Amino acid sequence: MIHFILGGARSGKTSYAEMLAQQSKKPAVYLATAKAHDNEMQDRILHHQRSRPEHWTTREEPFDIDKVISDKSYSNHCILIDCLTLWVTNLLCDERDVSAYKARLLSALDETQTDIFVVSNETGMGVVPMGSLTRQFCDESGWLHQAVAAKADKVTLMVAGIPMPVKQ
């Protein structure tokens, strides 16, 4: 089962995904994609780390998230991926081939039997950005969201902490 949860910044998407992972009663793997480039981001990461149950396994992986999804030792777990937009940012800033990584992710999602909760920021509801890197980020994120939503069993849009079912 793949449940894709997206919304704006501070919309409650991570908290909602964490609640669903806990309700699954399966051991959870928290797949964190964030990289701490500055003190403020480091503080955000620490806040997220402290808010998770201690018995959860944390895997910090800024690039190869497909390998964590495909890890057979997690076949009886649920995996919470937080988040795809940070992952796309990592790929773009490191000048990696986003299409190749996206293909690997989608293939891993096709092949997994693990319950997966995928969190991402909805960035496509604003104006078209002026800068080329920002436009590329919005394009890549939007195309990735469409592909993940097509594979997902459920899609939920978070608005002000309220889950709005998009696909059931």
C-alpha atoms as a PDB file:
ATOM      1  CA  MET A   1       0.000   0.000   0.000  1.00  0.00           C
ATOM      2  CA  ILE A   2       1.351   3.396  -1.001  1.00  0.00           C
ATOM      3  CA  HIS A   3      -0.179   6.479   0.616  1.00  0.00           C
ATOM      4  CA  PHE A   4       0.968   9.795  -0.859  1.00  0.00           C
ATOM      5  CA  ILE A   5       0.491  12.782   1.482  1.00  0.00           C
ATOM      6  CA  LEU A   6       1.159  16.255   0.205  1.00  0.00           C
ATOM      7  CA  GLY A   7       0.409  19.808   1.234  1.00  0.00           C
ATOM      8  CA  GLY A   8       1.922  23.196   1.849  1.00  0.00           C
ATOM      9  CA  ALA A   9       4.548  24.085   4.420  1.00  0.00           C
ATOM     10  CA  ARG A  10       3.308  23.469   7.968  1.00  0.00           C
ATOM     11  CA  SER A  11       0.096  21.876   6.688  1.00  0.00           C
ATOM     12  CA  GLY A  12       0.434  18.870   9.028  1.00  0.00           C
ATOM     13  CA  LYS A  13       1.524  16.355   6.424  1.00  0.00           C
ATOM     14  CA  THR A  14       4.427  14.840   8.384  1.00  0.00           C
ATOM     15  CA  SER A  15       2.417  14.582  11.610  1.00  0.00           C
ATOM     16  CA  TYR A  16      -0.402  12.906   9.699  1.00  0.00           C
ATOM     17  CA  ALA A  17       1.993  10.438   8.054  1.00  0.00           C
ATOM     18  CA  GLU A  18       3.577   9.659  11.431  1.00  0.00           C
ATOM     19  CA  MET A  19       0.136   9.013  12.928  1.00  0.00           C
ATOM     20  CA  LEU A  20      -0.722   6.632  10.073  1.00  0.00           C
ATOM     21  CA  ALA A  21       2.601   4.818  10.464  1.00  0.00           C
ATOM     22  CA  GLN A  22       1.931   4.352  14.186  1.00  0.00           C
ATOM     23  CA  GLN A  23      -1.601   3.133  13.491  1.00  0.00           C
ATOM     24  CA  SER A  24      -0.231   0.496  11.117  1.00  0.00           C
ATOM     25  CA  LYS A  25       1.207  -1.327  14.168  1.00  0.00           C
ATOM     26  CA  LYS A  26       4.221  -2.278  12.042  1.00  0.00           C
ATOM     27  CA  PRO A  27       7.803  -1.401  12.894  1.00  0.00           C
ATOM     28  CA  ALA A  28       8.476   1.924  11.188  1.00  0.00           C
ATOM     29  CA  VAL A  29      11.426   3.082   9.129  1.00  0.00           C
ATOM     30  CA  TYR A  30      11.651   6.851   8.877  1.00  0.00           C
ATOM     31  CA  LEU A  31      13.446   7.649   5.627  1.00  0.00           C
ATOM     32  CA  ALA A  32      14.696  11.221   6.005  1.00  0.00           C
ATOM     33  CA  THR A  33      15.910  13.004   2.884  1.00  0.00           C
ATOM     34  CA  ALA A  34      16.926  16.327   4.464  1.00  0.00           C
ATOM     35  CA  LYS A  35      20.491  17.610   4.524  1.00  0.00           C
ATOM     36  CA  ALA A  36      21.555  20.151   7.146  1.00  0.00           C
ATOM     37  CA  HIS A  37      23.155  22.965   5.165  1.00  0.00           C
ATOM     38  CA  ASP A  38      22.807  25.545   7.928  1.00  0.00           C
ATOM     39  CA  ASN A  39      21.922  25.914  11.625  1.00  0.00           C
ATOM     40  CA  GLU A  40      18.232  26.564  10.979  1.00  0.00           C
ATOM     41  CA  MET A  41      17.887  23.369   8.922  1.00  0.00           C
ATOM     42  CA  GLN A  42      19.854  21.466  11.550  1.00  0.00           C
ATOM     43  CA  ASP A  43      17.338  22.688  14.170  1.00  0.00           C
ATOM     44  CA  ARG A  44      14.430  21.537  11.977  1.00  0.00           C
ATOM     45  CA  ILE A  45      15.989  18.092  11.596  1.00  0.00           C
ATOM     46  CA  LEU A  46      16.567  17.814  15.359  1.00  0.00           C
ATOM     47  CA  HIS A  47      12.932  18.787  16.004  1.00  0.00           C
ATOM     48  CA  HIS A  48      11.734  16.032  13.658  1.00  0.00           C
ATOM     49  CA  GLN A  49      14.117  13.490  15.208  1.00  0.00           C
ATOM     50  CA  ARG A  50      12.896  14.271  18.730  1.00  0.00           C
ATOM     51  CA  SER A  51       9.235  14.035  17.750  1.00  0.00           C
ATOM     52  CA  ARG A  52       9.534  10.447  16.430  1.00  0.00           C
ATOM     53  CA  PRO A  53       9.065   7.397  18.621  1.00  0.00           C
ATOM     54  CA  GLU A  54      12.421   6.108  19.840  1.00  0.00           C
ATOM     55  CA  HIS A  55      11.752   2.570  18.635  1.00  0.00           C
ATOM     56  CA  TRP A  56      11.507   3.694  14.997  1.00  0.00           C
ATOM     57  CA  THR A  57      14.470   3.090  12.720  1.00  0.00           C
ATOM     58  CA  THR A  58      15.775   6.238  11.049  1.00  0.00           C
ATOM     59  CA  ARG A  59      17.552   6.082   7.706  1.00  0.00           C
ATOM     60  CA  GLU A  60      19.019   9.330   6.471  1.00  0.00           C
ATOM     61  CA  GLU A  61      19.351   9.111   2.705  1.00  0.00           C
ATOM     62  CA  PRO A  62      19.485  12.259   0.595  1.00  0.00           C
ATOM     63  CA  PHE A  63      19.800  10.505  -2.786  1.00  0.00           C
ATOM     64  CA  ASP A  64      19.290   6.726  -3.030  1.00  0.00           C
ATOM     65  CA  ILE A  65      15.862   6.358  -1.454  1.00  0.00           C
ATOM     66  CA  ASP A  66      15.049   3.527  -3.868  1.00  0.00           C
ATOM     67  CA  LYS A  67      17.677   1.369  -2.134  1.00  0.00           C
ATOM     68  CA  VAL A  68      15.985   1.809   1.248  1.00  0.00           C
ATOM     69  CA  ILE A  69      12.575   0.952  -0.228  1.00  0.00           C
ATOM     70  CA  SER A  70      14.090  -2.153  -1.852  1.00  0.00           C
ATOM     71  CA  ASP A  71      15.897  -3.272   1.325  1.00  0.00           C
ATOM     72  CA  LYS A  72      14.392  -6.713   2.025  1.00  0.00           C
ATOM     73  CA  SER A  73      15.107  -6.410   5.756  1.00  0.00           C
ATOM     74  CA  TYR A  74      12.244  -3.885   5.875  1.00  0.00           C
ATOM     75  CA  SER A  75       9.651  -6.122   4.201  1.00  0.00           C
ATOM     76  CA  ASN A  76       7.605  -6.429   7.432  1.00  0.00           C
ATOM     77  CA  HIS A  77       7.899  -2.729   8.223  1.00  0.00           C
ATOM     78  CA  CYS A  78       6.222   0.410   7.020  1.00  0.00           C
ATOM     79  CA  ILE A  79       8.383   3.128   5.528  1.00  0.00           C
ATOM     80  CA  LEU A  80       7.697   6.840   5.916  1.00  0.00           C
ATOM     81  CA  ILE A  81       9.536   8.952   3.330  1.00  0.00           C
ATOM     82  CA  ASP A  82       9.925  12.592   4.365  1.00  0.00           C
ATOM     83  CA  CYS A  83      10.107  14.246   1.915  1.00  0.00           C
ATOM     84  CA  LEU A  84      10.195  14.117  -1.873  1.00  0.00           C
ATOM     85  CA  THR A  85      10.640  17.847  -2.442  1.00  0.00           C
ATOM     86  CA  LEU A  86      13.764  17.912  -0.269  1.00  0.00           C
ATOM     87  CA  TRP A  87      14.949  14.887  -2.239  1.00  0.00           C
ATOM     88  CA  VAL A  88      14.426  16.719  -5.558  1.00  0.00           C
ATOM     89  CA  THR A  89      16.273  19.729  -4.108  1.00  0.00           C
ATOM     90  CA  ASN A  90      19.196  17.488  -3.131  1.00  0.00           C
ATOM     91  CA  LEU A  91      19.358  15.996  -6.632  1.00  0.00           C
ATOM     92  CA  LEU A  92      19.214  19.371  -8.380  1.00  0.00           C
ATOM     93  CA  CYS A  93      21.767  21.037  -6.084  1.00  0.00           C
ATOM     94  CA  ASP A  94      24.139  18.092  -6.498  1.00  0.00           C
ATOM     95  CA  GLU A  95      23.568  18.234 -10.289  1.00  0.00           C
ATOM     96  CA  ARG A  96      22.367  14.642 -10.458  1.00  0.00           C
ATOM     97  CA  ASP A  97      20.165  13.168 -13.171  1.00  0.00           C
ATOM     98  CA  VAL A  98      16.696  13.681 -11.689  1.00  0.00           C
ATOM     99  CA  SER A  99      15.044  11.538 -14.376  1.00  0.00           C
ATOM    100  CA  ALA A 100      17.259   8.556 -13.609  1.00  0.00           C
ATOM    101  CA  TYR A 101      16.675   8.802  -9.846  1.00  0.00           C
ATOM    102  CA  LYS A 102      12.948   9.257 -10.405  1.00  0.00           C
ATOM    103  CA  ALA A 103      12.857   6.126 -12.591  1.00  0.00           C
ATOM    104  CA  ARG A 104      14.648   4.147  -9.874  1.00  0.00           C
ATOM    105  CA  LEU A 105      12.221   5.411  -7.222  1.00  0.00           C
ATOM    106  CA  LEU A 106       9.159   4.563  -9.317  1.00  0.00           C
ATOM    107  CA  SER A 107      10.545   1.104 -10.054  1.00  0.00           C
ATOM    108  CA  ALA A 108      11.156   0.485  -6.342  1.00  0.00           C
ATOM    109  CA  LEU A 109       7.591   1.594  -5.565  1.00  0.00           C
ATOM    110  CA  ASP A 110       6.298  -0.829  -8.218  1.00  0.00           C
ATOM    111  CA  GLU A 111       8.210  -3.745  -6.747  1.00  0.00           C
ATOM    112  CA  THR A 112       7.753  -3.215  -3.016  1.00  0.00           C
ATOM    113  CA  GLN A 113       5.298  -5.104  -0.832  1.00  0.00           C
ATOM    114  CA  THR A 114       6.025  -2.740   2.060  1.00  0.00           C
ATOM    115  CA  ASP A 115       3.466  -0.183   3.217  1.00  0.00           C
ATOM    116  CA  ILE A 116       4.861   3.231   2.320  1.00  0.00           C
ATOM    117  CA  PHE A 117       3.789   6.702   3.392  1.00  0.00           C
ATOM    118  CA  VAL A 118       5.276   9.323   1.077  1.00  0.00           C
ATOM    119  CA  VAL A 119       5.333  12.981   2.188  1.00  0.00           C
ATOM    120  CA  SER A 120       5.930  15.905  -0.152  1.00  0.00           C
ATOM    121  CA  ASN A 121       5.313  19.641  -0.409  1.00  0.00           C
ATOM    122  CA  GLU A 122       2.734  20.736  -2.937  1.00  0.00           C
ATOM    123  CA  THR A 123       4.552  23.475  -4.830  1.00  0.00           C
ATOM    124  CA  GLY A 124       2.389  23.690  -7.929  1.00  0.00           C
ATOM    125  CA  MET A 125      -0.328  25.997  -6.639  1.00  0.00           C
ATOM    126  CA  GLY A 126       1.560  29.260  -6.980  1.00  0.00           C
ATOM    127  CA  VAL A 127       2.811  31.437  -9.786  1.00  0.00           C
ATOM    128  CA  VAL A 128       5.474  30.248 -12.207  1.00  0.00           C
ATOM    129  CA  PRO A 129       8.832  31.174 -10.622  1.00  0.00           C
ATOM    130  CA  MET A 130      11.164  33.602 -12.372  1.00  0.00           C
ATOM    131  CA  GLY A 131      14.480  31.777 -11.873  1.00  0.00           C
ATOM    132  CA  SER A 132      15.457  28.809 -14.042  1.00  0.00           C
ATOM    133  CA  LEU A 133      16.507  26.579 -11.110  1.00  0.00           C
ATOM    134  CA  THR A 134      13.257  27.306  -9.288  1.00  0.00           C
ATOM    135  CA  ARG A 135      11.241  26.584 -12.436  1.00  0.00           C
ATOM    136  CA  GLN A 136      13.163  23.333 -12.895  1.00  0.00           C
ATOM    137  CA  PHE A 137      12.442  22.416  -9.261  1.00  0.00           C
ATOM    138  CA  CYS A 138       8.704  23.077  -9.706  1.00  0.00           C
ATOM    139  CA  ASP A 139       8.632  21.145 -12.990  1.00  0.00           C
ATOM    140  CA  GLU A 140      10.522  18.136 -11.608  1.00  0.00           C
ATOM    141  CA  SER A 141       8.486  18.101  -8.383  1.00  0.00           C
ATOM    142  CA  GLY A 142       5.211  18.370 -10.284  1.00  0.00           C
ATOM    143  CA  TRP A 143       6.068  15.562 -12.685  1.00  0.00           C
ATOM    144  CA  LEU A 144       7.270  13.402  -9.787  1.00  0.00           C
ATOM    145  CA  HIS A 145       4.080  14.083  -7.820  1.00  0.00           C
ATOM    146  CA  GLN A 146       1.956  13.068 -10.801  1.00  0.00           C
ATOM    147  CA  ALA A 147       3.881   9.818 -11.223  1.00  0.00           C
ATOM    148  CA  VAL A 148       3.783   8.931  -7.509  1.00  0.00           C
ATOM    149  CA  ALA A 149       0.081   9.815  -7.257  1.00  0.00           C
ATOM    150  CA  ALA A 150      -0.644   7.518 -10.216  1.00  0.00           C
ATOM    151  CA  LYS A 151       1.043   4.605  -8.395  1.00  0.00           C
ATOM    152  CA  ALA A 152      -0.386   5.425  -4.970  1.00  0.00           C
ATOM    153  CA  ASP A 153      -3.346   3.563  -3.534  1.00  0.00           C
ATOM    154  CA  LYS A 154      -4.295   6.683  -1.579  1.00  0.00           C
ATOM    155  CA  VAL A 155      -3.510  10.379  -1.997  1.00  0.00           C
ATOM    156  CA  THR A 156      -4.256  12.902   0.736  1.00  0.00           C
ATOM    157  CA  LEU A 157      -3.912  16.668   0.512  1.00  0.00           C
ATOM    158  CA  MET A 158      -3.296  18.305   3.883  1.00  0.00           C
ATOM    159  CA  VAL A 159      -4.880  21.723   4.413  1.00  0.00           C
ATOM    160  CA  ALA A 160      -4.403  23.466   7.802  1.00  0.00           C
ATOM    161  CA  GLY A 161      -3.932  20.122   9.549  1.00  0.00           C
ATOM    162  CA  ILE A 162      -7.020  18.587   7.946  1.00  0.00           C
ATOM    163  CA  PRO A 163      -6.586  15.556   5.684  1.00  0.00           C
ATOM    164  CA  MET A 164      -8.515  15.973   2.428  1.00  0.00           C
ATOM    165  CA  PRO A 165      -8.817  12.634   0.565  1.00  0.00           C
ATOM    166  CA  VAL A 166      -7.943  13.027  -3.113  1.00  0.00           C
ATOM    167  CA  LYS A 167      -7.659   9.371  -4.088  1.00  0.00           C
ATOM    168  CA  GLN A 168      -9.065   6.486  -2.042  1.00  0.00           C
END
